[in-house]
């Protein structure tokens, strides 16, 4: 059966079909952290801990403000990512980048020296599959 195109793009059916296609396209392209991923964030002065599990092709950026009363931080990373990528960026209170790293690299690292106060912690996930865990602490 051949369908006849709408006679006008102002037809209500045209708008409903267009809206449905846009919604389907948007939902299919993004997979965000949900309750099944058990996201845990502990954000206290001088200690920040972030953990998420059972990621399945998650693409998302999360940003946090963290109070560091020191001028540096120890970064402890312990992750198991099967595929995709997970990056961590830390800016000091002045907005200067003091750390950037791949969360799949396990170990303990040190940030560069920066201004104490409210630091910005950004986690960027791209089609990430697996479990991620990191902790920041004032030395």
N, C-alpha and C. Protein backbone atom coordinates (compact mmCIF):
# COMPACT_ATOMS: atom_id res chain seq x y z
N UNK A 1 0.85 -1.17 0.00
CA UNK A 1 0.00 0.00 0.00
C UNK A 1 0.89 1.23 0.00
N UNK A 2 0.67 2.11 -0.92
CA UNK A 2 1.43 3.36 -1.00
C UNK A 2 0.77 4.40 -0.12
N UNK A 3 1.62 5.11 0.61
CA UNK A 3 1.09 6.18 1.44
C UNK A 3 1.29 7.49 0.71
N UNK A 4 0.30 8.28 0.74
CA UNK A 4 0.35 9.58 0.10
C UNK A 4 0.97 10.57 1.07
N UNK A 5 1.99 11.34 0.65
CA UNK A 5 2.58 12.32 1.56
C UNK A 5 1.56 13.38 1.94
N UNK A 6 1.71 13.96 3.10
CA UNK A 6 0.76 15.00 3.51
C UNK A 6 0.76 16.13 2.50
N UNK A 7 -0.40 16.70 2.33
CA UNK A 7 -0.53 17.77 1.35
C UNK A 7 0.15 19.04 1.81
N UNK A 8 0.40 19.12 3.10
CA UNK A 8 1.04 20.32 3.64
C UNK A 8 1.87 19.95 4.85
N UNK A 9 2.96 20.65 5.03
CA UNK A 9 3.77 20.40 6.21
C UNK A 9 3.13 20.99 7.46
N UNK A 10 1.98 21.64 7.31
CA UNK A 10 1.28 22.16 8.49
C UNK A 10 0.23 21.16 8.97
N UNK A 11 0.16 20.00 8.34
CA UNK A 11 -0.77 18.96 8.75
C UNK A 11 -0.42 18.45 10.14
N UNK A 12 -1.43 18.22 11.02
CA UNK A 12 -1.15 17.70 12.36
C UNK A 12 -0.42 16.35 12.32
N UNK A 13 -0.77 15.50 11.35
CA UNK A 13 -0.11 14.19 11.23
C UNK A 13 1.37 14.37 10.92
N UNK A 14 1.72 15.36 10.12
CA UNK A 14 3.12 15.63 9.78
C UNK A 14 3.91 15.98 11.04
N UNK A 15 3.33 16.85 11.88
CA UNK A 15 4.01 17.26 13.10
C UNK A 15 4.15 16.11 14.09
N UNK A 16 3.10 15.29 14.22
CA UNK A 16 3.17 14.14 15.13
C UNK A 16 4.23 13.14 14.66
N UNK A 17 4.28 12.87 13.38
CA UNK A 17 5.27 11.94 12.85
C UNK A 17 6.69 12.49 13.03
N UNK A 18 6.88 13.76 12.76
CA UNK A 18 8.19 14.39 12.92
C UNK A 18 8.63 14.35 14.38
N UNK A 19 7.71 14.67 15.29
CA UNK A 19 8.04 14.65 16.72
C UNK A 19 8.40 13.23 17.18
N UNK A 20 7.65 12.25 16.72
CA UNK A 20 7.94 10.85 17.10
C UNK A 20 9.31 10.42 16.59
N UNK A 21 9.66 10.78 15.39
CA UNK A 21 10.96 10.42 14.84
C UNK A 21 12.09 11.10 15.61
N UNK A 22 11.89 12.37 16.00
CA UNK A 22 12.92 13.07 16.77
C UNK A 22 13.11 12.43 18.14
N UNK A 23 12.04 12.06 18.82
CA UNK A 23 12.14 11.44 20.13
C UNK A 23 12.84 10.09 20.01
N UNK A 24 12.46 9.29 19.01
CA UNK A 24 13.11 7.98 18.83
C UNK A 24 14.59 8.16 18.54
N UNK A 25 14.93 9.13 17.73
CA UNK A 25 16.34 9.37 17.39
C UNK A 25 17.15 9.81 18.58
N UNK A 26 16.59 10.65 19.43
CA UNK A 26 17.32 11.14 20.61
C UNK A 26 17.50 10.04 21.64
N UNK A 27 16.47 9.26 21.89
CA UNK A 27 16.60 8.25 22.93
C UNK A 27 17.53 7.12 22.51
N UNK A 28 17.63 6.84 21.24
CA UNK A 28 18.48 5.75 20.78
C UNK A 28 19.96 6.13 20.83
N UNK A 29 20.26 7.43 20.80
CA UNK A 29 21.65 7.84 20.69
C UNK A 29 22.32 8.11 22.04
N UNK A 30 21.55 8.16 23.14
CA UNK A 30 22.19 8.44 24.41
C UNK A 30 21.82 7.39 25.44
N UNK A 31 22.82 6.91 26.15
CA UNK A 31 22.63 5.95 27.22
C UNK A 31 23.27 6.55 28.45
N UNK A 32 22.46 6.90 29.43
CA UNK A 32 22.94 7.61 30.62
C UNK A 32 23.00 6.69 31.83
N UNK A 33 23.71 7.13 32.86
CA UNK A 33 23.77 6.40 34.11
C UNK A 33 22.37 6.35 34.71
N UNK A 34 21.95 5.16 35.12
CA UNK A 34 20.64 4.97 35.73
C UNK A 34 20.77 4.30 37.09
N UNK A 35 19.64 4.02 37.75
CA UNK A 35 19.67 3.40 39.07
C UNK A 35 20.40 2.05 39.06
N UNK A 36 20.31 1.32 37.96
CA UNK A 36 20.96 0.01 37.87
C UNK A 36 22.49 0.11 37.93
N UNK A 37 23.03 1.31 37.72
CA UNK A 37 24.48 1.50 37.75
C UNK A 37 25.01 1.84 39.15
N UNK A 38 24.13 2.01 40.10
CA UNK A 38 24.49 2.24 41.50
C UNK A 38 25.56 3.32 41.68
N UNK A 39 25.32 4.48 41.07
CA UNK A 39 26.24 5.61 41.21
C UNK A 39 26.31 6.03 42.68
N UNK A 40 27.54 6.10 43.20
CA UNK A 40 27.77 6.57 44.56
C UNK A 40 28.77 7.71 44.52
N UNK A 41 28.40 8.82 45.13
CA UNK A 41 29.28 9.98 45.21
C UNK A 41 29.36 10.41 46.67
N UNK A 42 30.58 10.48 47.19
CA UNK A 42 30.81 10.98 48.54
C UNK A 42 31.65 12.24 48.38
N UNK A 43 31.03 13.39 48.62
CA UNK A 43 31.66 14.67 48.36
C UNK A 43 31.75 15.45 49.67
N UNK A 44 32.90 15.36 50.31
CA UNK A 44 33.14 16.06 51.57
C UNK A 44 34.41 16.89 51.43
N UNK A 45 34.57 17.95 52.25
CA UNK A 45 35.81 18.72 52.16
C UNK A 45 37.04 17.80 52.31
N UNK A 46 37.96 17.96 51.40
CA UNK A 46 39.24 17.26 51.36
C UNK A 46 39.16 15.78 50.97
N UNK A 47 37.96 15.23 50.75
CA UNK A 47 37.81 13.85 50.28
C UNK A 47 36.62 13.77 49.33
N UNK A 48 36.87 13.20 48.15
CA UNK A 48 35.82 13.02 47.14
C UNK A 48 35.95 11.60 46.62
N UNK A 49 34.85 10.84 46.62
CA UNK A 49 34.88 9.49 46.09
C UNK A 49 33.72 9.30 45.13
N UNK A 50 34.01 8.62 44.00
CA UNK A 50 33.02 8.41 42.94
C UNK A 50 33.11 6.97 42.46
N UNK A 51 31.95 6.31 42.37
CA UNK A 51 31.93 4.92 41.93
C UNK A 51 30.66 4.65 41.15
N UNK A 52 30.78 3.85 40.08
CA UNK A 52 29.63 3.45 39.29
C UNK A 52 29.91 2.05 38.74
N UNK A 53 28.87 1.23 38.61
CA UNK A 53 29.08 -0.13 38.14
C UNK A 53 28.11 -0.48 37.01
N UNK A 54 28.43 -1.58 36.35
CA UNK A 54 27.58 -2.16 35.29
C UNK A 54 27.23 -1.17 34.19
N UNK A 55 28.18 -0.33 33.81
CA UNK A 55 27.93 0.61 32.70
C UNK A 55 27.78 -0.18 31.41
N UNK A 56 26.87 0.26 30.57
CA UNK A 56 26.65 -0.38 29.28
C UNK A 56 26.51 0.70 28.21
N UNK A 57 27.61 0.98 27.53
CA UNK A 57 27.65 1.97 26.45
C UNK A 57 27.16 3.35 26.90
N UNK A 58 27.58 3.77 28.09
CA UNK A 58 27.14 5.05 28.64
C UNK A 58 28.00 6.19 28.09
N UNK A 59 27.32 7.22 27.62
CA UNK A 59 27.97 8.45 27.17
C UNK A 59 27.35 9.59 27.96
N UNK A 60 28.16 10.21 28.81
CA UNK A 60 27.64 11.25 29.70
C UNK A 60 28.81 12.01 30.31
N UNK A 61 28.57 13.28 30.62
CA UNK A 61 29.55 14.10 31.33
C UNK A 61 28.92 14.56 32.63
N UNK A 62 29.64 14.35 33.74
CA UNK A 62 29.17 14.75 35.06
C UNK A 62 30.19 15.69 35.67
N UNK A 63 29.73 16.78 36.26
CA UNK A 63 30.61 17.78 36.85
C UNK A 63 30.21 18.04 38.29
N UNK A 64 31.22 18.11 39.16
CA UNK A 64 31.00 18.32 40.59
C UNK A 64 31.90 19.44 41.08
N UNK A 65 31.45 20.12 42.12
CA UNK A 65 32.27 21.09 42.83
C UNK A 65 32.73 20.42 44.11
N UNK A 66 34.05 20.46 44.36
CA UNK A 66 34.62 19.78 45.53
C UNK A 66 35.54 20.75 46.27
N UNK A 67 35.38 20.86 47.58
CA UNK A 67 36.21 21.74 48.39
C UNK A 67 37.49 21.02 48.78
N UNK A 68 38.63 21.59 48.34
CA UNK A 68 39.94 21.09 48.72
C UNK A 68 40.64 22.21 49.48
N UNK A 69 40.87 22.00 50.76
CA UNK A 69 41.54 23.00 51.59
C UNK A 69 43.06 22.96 51.43
N UNK A 70 43.54 22.06 50.59
CA UNK A 70 44.96 21.97 50.29
C UNK A 70 45.26 22.56 48.93
N UNK A 71 46.50 22.40 48.50
CA UNK A 71 46.91 22.93 47.19
C UNK A 71 47.19 21.82 46.18
N UNK A 72 46.96 20.56 46.60
CA UNK A 72 47.13 19.41 45.71
C UNK A 72 46.20 18.31 46.20
N UNK A 73 46.10 17.22 45.42
CA UNK A 73 45.28 16.08 45.82
C UNK A 73 45.91 14.80 45.31
N UNK A 74 45.76 13.74 46.09
CA UNK A 74 46.10 12.40 45.62
C UNK A 74 44.88 11.86 44.87
N UNK A 75 45.12 11.24 43.72
CA UNK A 75 44.05 10.68 42.89
C UNK A 75 44.28 9.17 42.86
N UNK A 76 43.36 8.41 43.46
CA UNK A 76 43.46 6.96 43.47
C UNK A 76 42.40 6.41 42.52
N UNK A 77 42.84 5.72 41.47
CA UNK A 77 41.94 5.20 40.44
C UNK A 77 41.97 3.68 40.47
N UNK A 78 40.78 3.07 40.49
CA UNK A 78 40.65 1.61 40.48
C UNK A 78 39.42 1.27 39.66
N UNK A 79 39.63 0.92 38.39
CA UNK A 79 38.52 0.71 37.48
C UNK A 79 38.71 -0.54 36.65
N UNK A 80 37.62 -1.00 36.09
CA UNK A 80 37.63 -2.13 35.17
C UNK A 80 36.69 -1.79 34.03
N UNK A 81 37.24 -1.21 32.99
CA UNK A 81 36.44 -0.78 31.84
C UNK A 81 36.73 -1.73 30.69
N UNK A 82 35.68 -2.40 30.18
CA UNK A 82 35.85 -3.35 29.10
C UNK A 82 36.03 -2.68 27.75
N UNK A 83 35.31 -1.59 27.54
CA UNK A 83 35.44 -0.83 26.29
C UNK A 83 34.91 0.58 26.51
N UNK A 84 35.14 1.42 25.54
CA UNK A 84 34.77 2.83 25.67
C UNK A 84 35.86 3.58 26.39
N UNK A 85 35.55 4.80 26.79
CA UNK A 85 36.55 5.61 27.50
C UNK A 85 35.91 6.33 28.68
N UNK A 86 36.79 6.66 29.64
CA UNK A 86 36.37 7.39 30.84
C UNK A 86 37.52 8.31 31.22
N UNK A 87 37.27 9.60 31.22
CA UNK A 87 38.32 10.58 31.50
C UNK A 87 37.94 11.42 32.73
N UNK A 88 38.96 11.81 33.46
CA UNK A 88 38.81 12.63 34.66
C UNK A 88 39.60 13.91 34.47
N UNK A 89 38.94 15.04 34.70
CA UNK A 89 39.62 16.34 34.64
C UNK A 89 39.35 17.07 35.95
N UNK A 90 40.40 17.67 36.51
CA UNK A 90 40.26 18.42 37.76
C UNK A 90 40.82 19.82 37.55
N UNK A 91 40.01 20.81 37.90
CA UNK A 91 40.42 22.22 37.85
C UNK A 91 40.50 22.74 39.27
N UNK A 92 41.51 23.55 39.56
CA UNK A 92 41.61 24.13 40.90
C UNK A 92 40.61 25.27 41.07
N UNK A 93 40.66 25.94 42.23
CA UNK A 93 39.71 27.02 42.52
C UNK A 93 39.83 28.20 41.56
N UNK A 94 40.97 28.34 40.90
CA UNK A 94 41.15 29.41 39.93
C UNK A 94 40.80 29.00 38.51
N UNK A 95 40.33 27.75 38.33
CA UNK A 95 39.96 27.27 37.00
C UNK A 95 41.14 26.74 36.19
N UNK A 96 42.28 26.52 36.85
CA UNK A 96 43.46 26.00 36.17
C UNK A 96 43.44 24.47 36.25
N UNK A 97 43.69 23.82 35.12
CA UNK A 97 43.72 22.36 35.09
C UNK A 97 44.92 21.84 35.88
N UNK A 98 44.64 21.03 36.91
CA UNK A 98 45.72 20.46 37.72
C UNK A 98 45.86 18.95 37.50
N UNK A 99 44.86 18.36 36.82
CA UNK A 99 44.94 16.93 36.55
C UNK A 99 44.02 16.58 35.38
N UNK A 100 44.51 15.71 34.52
CA UNK A 100 43.67 15.10 33.49
C UNK A 100 44.19 13.68 33.33
N UNK A 101 43.28 12.72 33.35
CA UNK A 101 43.72 11.34 33.27
C UNK A 101 42.65 10.41 32.73
N UNK A 102 43.12 9.27 32.28
CA UNK A 102 42.27 8.19 31.78
C UNK A 102 41.94 7.31 32.98
N UNK A 103 40.65 7.18 33.30
CA UNK A 103 40.25 6.41 34.48
C UNK A 103 40.52 4.91 34.36
N UNK A 104 40.90 4.43 33.18
CA UNK A 104 41.24 3.02 33.05
C UNK A 104 42.66 2.75 33.53
N UNK A 105 43.43 3.79 33.77
CA UNK A 105 44.79 3.65 34.31
C UNK A 105 44.69 3.57 35.83
N UNK A 106 44.87 2.38 36.37
CA UNK A 106 44.75 2.19 37.81
C UNK A 106 46.04 2.59 38.52
N UNK A 107 45.88 3.10 39.73
CA UNK A 107 47.03 3.50 40.52
C UNK A 107 46.74 4.77 41.30
N UNK A 108 47.78 5.28 41.94
CA UNK A 108 47.66 6.53 42.69
C UNK A 108 48.54 7.57 42.04
N UNK A 109 47.96 8.73 41.78
CA UNK A 109 48.62 9.82 41.08
C UNK A 109 48.48 11.09 41.90
N UNK A 110 49.24 12.10 41.58
CA UNK A 110 49.18 13.38 42.28
C UNK A 110 48.80 14.47 41.29
N UNK A 111 47.93 15.38 41.73
CA UNK A 111 47.62 16.54 40.90
C UNK A 111 48.80 17.51 40.96
N UNK A 112 48.83 18.44 40.03
CA UNK A 112 49.78 19.55 40.14
C UNK A 112 49.29 20.47 41.27
N UNK A 113 50.15 21.34 41.71
CA UNK A 113 49.79 22.30 42.75
C UNK A 113 48.81 23.32 42.17
N UNK A 114 47.81 23.67 42.96
CA UNK A 114 46.81 24.62 42.51
C UNK A 114 46.29 25.45 43.67
N UNK A 115 45.33 26.29 43.38
CA UNK A 115 44.73 27.17 44.39
C UNK A 115 43.72 26.40 45.22
N UNK A 116 43.81 26.56 46.54
CA UNK A 116 42.85 25.87 47.41
C UNK A 116 41.48 26.52 47.28
N UNK A 117 40.46 25.75 47.64
CA UNK A 117 39.09 26.25 47.58
C UNK A 117 38.20 25.26 46.84
N UNK A 118 37.28 25.79 46.06
CA UNK A 118 36.31 24.96 45.36
C UNK A 118 36.88 24.49 44.01
N UNK A 119 37.22 23.21 43.95
CA UNK A 119 37.77 22.61 42.73
C UNK A 119 36.64 22.01 41.90
N UNK A 120 36.85 21.88 40.60
CA UNK A 120 35.86 21.30 39.70
C UNK A 120 36.34 19.93 39.24
N UNK A 121 35.50 18.93 39.44
CA UNK A 121 35.80 17.55 39.07
C UNK A 121 34.84 17.16 37.95
N UNK A 122 35.39 16.79 36.79
CA UNK A 122 34.55 16.41 35.65
C UNK A 122 34.90 15.01 35.18
N UNK A 123 33.88 14.16 35.08
CA UNK A 123 34.01 12.80 34.58
C UNK A 123 33.32 12.77 33.22
N UNK A 124 34.06 12.33 32.18
CA UNK A 124 33.49 12.24 30.84
C UNK A 124 33.53 10.78 30.39
N UNK A 125 32.35 10.22 30.17
CA UNK A 125 32.22 8.84 29.72
C UNK A 125 31.79 8.81 28.26
N UNK A 126 32.43 7.95 27.48
CA UNK A 126 32.07 7.80 26.08
C UNK A 126 31.94 6.31 25.77
N UNK A 127 30.69 5.88 25.56
CA UNK A 127 30.39 4.47 25.27
C UNK A 127 31.08 3.53 26.26
N UNK A 128 31.07 3.92 27.52
CA UNK A 128 31.78 3.19 28.58
C UNK A 128 31.02 1.94 29.00
N UNK A 129 31.76 0.84 29.13
CA UNK A 129 31.24 -0.44 29.59
C UNK A 129 32.11 -0.94 30.73
N UNK A 130 31.53 -1.13 31.90
CA UNK A 130 32.32 -1.65 33.02
C UNK A 130 32.05 -0.93 34.31
N UNK A 131 33.07 -0.94 35.19
CA UNK A 131 32.97 -0.37 36.52
C UNK A 131 34.09 0.65 36.72
N UNK A 132 33.76 1.79 37.32
CA UNK A 132 34.73 2.86 37.54
C UNK A 132 34.71 3.29 39.00
N UNK A 133 35.90 3.61 39.51
CA UNK A 133 36.01 4.04 40.89
C UNK A 133 37.24 4.94 41.01
N UNK A 134 37.07 6.10 41.63
CA UNK A 134 38.24 6.93 41.94
C UNK A 134 37.96 7.71 43.23
N UNK A 135 39.08 8.11 43.86
CA UNK A 135 39.00 8.88 45.10
C UNK A 135 40.03 10.01 45.02
N UNK A 136 39.63 11.18 45.52
CA UNK A 136 40.53 12.34 45.62
C UNK A 136 40.68 12.66 47.10
N UNK A 137 41.92 12.90 47.54
CA UNK A 137 42.14 13.27 48.93
C UNK A 137 43.25 14.31 49.03
N UNK A 138 43.03 15.24 49.93
CA UNK A 138 44.10 16.18 50.25
C UNK A 138 45.21 15.38 50.93
N UNK A 139 46.47 15.55 50.48
CA UNK A 139 47.58 14.80 51.09
C UNK A 139 47.80 15.19 52.55
